[in-house]
Amino acid sequence: MLQAFECWKAGADPLEWAKDHHEFGRAFESFPHDADAIFPGWRERLGANASEASA
């Protein structure tokens, strides 16, 4: 994913980057269990709908 590379190249915080790059941000919602493991608190920081909360 190009946006992930651009985030890495910029040395940006992925959660901050996701706020302005919505396609990149959707990855957190698409893979919520992985996002929970790698970025605890991502739902709160991104204001994501936590309808798929950890089961």
C-alpha atoms as a PDB file:
ATOM      1  CA  MET A   1       0.000   0.000   0.000  1.00  0.00           C
ATOM      2  CA  LEU A   2       1.540   3.263  -1.133  1.00  0.00           C
ATOM      3  CA  GLN A   3       0.110   5.274   1.767  1.00  0.00           C
ATOM      4  CA  ALA A   4       1.742   2.927   4.289  1.00  0.00           C
ATOM      5  CA  PHE A   5       5.088   3.445   2.571  1.00  0.00           C
ATOM      6  CA  GLU A   6       4.580   7.211   2.496  1.00  0.00           C
ATOM      7  CA  CYS A   7       3.755   7.174   6.223  1.00  0.00           C
ATOM      8  CA  TRP A   8       6.890   5.178   6.969  1.00  0.00           C
ATOM      9  CA  LYS A   9       9.041   7.377   4.722  1.00  0.00           C
ATOM     10  CA  ALA A  10       7.750  10.512   6.459  1.00  0.00           C
ATOM     11  CA  GLY A  11       8.484   9.009   9.871  1.00  0.00           C
ATOM     12  CA  ALA A  12       4.892   9.795  10.842  1.00  0.00           C
ATOM     13  CA  ASP A  13       2.790   8.290  13.592  1.00  0.00           C
ATOM     14  CA  PRO A  14       0.492   5.843  11.746  1.00  0.00           C
ATOM     15  CA  LEU A  15      -2.545   6.876  13.766  1.00  0.00           C
ATOM     16  CA  GLU A  16      -1.980  10.567  13.053  1.00  0.00           C
ATOM     17  CA  TRP A  17      -1.338   9.767   9.383  1.00  0.00           C
ATOM     18  CA  ALA A  18      -4.614   7.818   9.219  1.00  0.00           C
ATOM     19  CA  LYS A  19      -6.578  10.899  10.271  1.00  0.00           C
ATOM     20  CA  ASP A  20      -5.684  12.652   7.009  1.00  0.00           C
ATOM     21  CA  HIS A  21      -5.299   9.584   4.773  1.00  0.00           C
ATOM     22  CA  HIS A  22      -8.627   7.815   5.022  1.00  0.00           C
ATOM     23  CA  GLU A  23      -7.756   4.904   2.731  1.00  0.00           C
ATOM     24  CA  PHE A  24      -4.843   4.109   5.038  1.00  0.00           C
ATOM     25  CA  GLY A  25      -7.090   4.555   8.081  1.00  0.00           C
ATOM     26  CA  ARG A  26      -9.580   2.002   6.801  1.00  0.00           C
ATOM     27  CA  ALA A  27      -6.931  -0.689   7.260  1.00  0.00           C
ATOM     28  CA  PHE A  28      -7.367  -0.323  11.022  1.00  0.00           C
ATOM     29  CA  GLU A  29     -11.082  -1.026  10.692  1.00  0.00           C
ATOM     30  CA  SER A  30     -10.522  -3.833   8.183  1.00  0.00           C
ATOM     31  CA  PHE A  31      -8.132  -5.654  10.521  1.00  0.00           C
ATOM     32  CA  PRO A  32      -9.315  -4.671  14.010  1.00  0.00           C
ATOM     33  CA  HIS A  33      -7.723  -7.572  15.897  1.00  0.00           C
ATOM     34  CA  ASP A  34      -4.310  -6.859  14.380  1.00  0.00           C
ATOM     35  CA  ALA A  35      -4.756  -3.132  15.010  1.00  0.00           C
ATOM     36  CA  ASP A  36      -5.661  -3.855  18.658  1.00  0.00           C
ATOM     37  CA  ALA A  37      -2.444  -5.831  19.096  1.00  0.00           C
ATOM     38  CA  ILE A  38      -0.171  -3.309  17.385  1.00  0.00           C
ATOM     39  CA  PHE A  39      -1.865   0.028  18.176  1.00  0.00           C
ATOM     40  CA  PRO A  40      -3.810  -0.248  21.447  1.00  0.00           C
ATOM     41  CA  GLY A  41      -6.296   2.606  21.731  1.00  0.00           C
ATOM     42  CA  TRP A  42      -6.556   3.129  17.964  1.00  0.00           C
ATOM     43  CA  ARG A  43     -10.365   3.306  18.066  1.00  0.00           C
ATOM     44  CA  GLU A  44     -10.320   6.230  20.465  1.00  0.00           C
ATOM     45  CA  ARG A  45      -7.574   8.091  18.615  1.00  0.00           C
ATOM     46  CA  LEU A  46      -9.210   7.662  15.222  1.00  0.00           C
ATOM     47  CA  GLY A  47     -12.785   8.019  16.418  1.00  0.00           C
ATOM     48  CA  ALA A  48     -13.536   4.680  14.770  1.00  0.00           C
ATOM     49  CA  ASN A  49     -16.853   2.926  15.108  1.00  0.00           C
ATOM     50  CA  ALA A  50     -16.029   0.092  17.443  1.00  0.00           C
ATOM     51  CA  SER A  51     -18.948  -2.028  16.303  1.00  0.00           C
ATOM     52  CA  GLU A  52     -16.516  -4.886  15.722  1.00  0.00           C
ATOM     53  CA  ALA A  53     -15.053  -4.745  19.205  1.00  0.00           C
ATOM     54  CA  SER A  54     -12.767  -7.543  20.250  1.00  0.00           C
ATOM     55  CA  ALA A  55     -14.599 -10.800  20.743  1.00  0.00           C
END
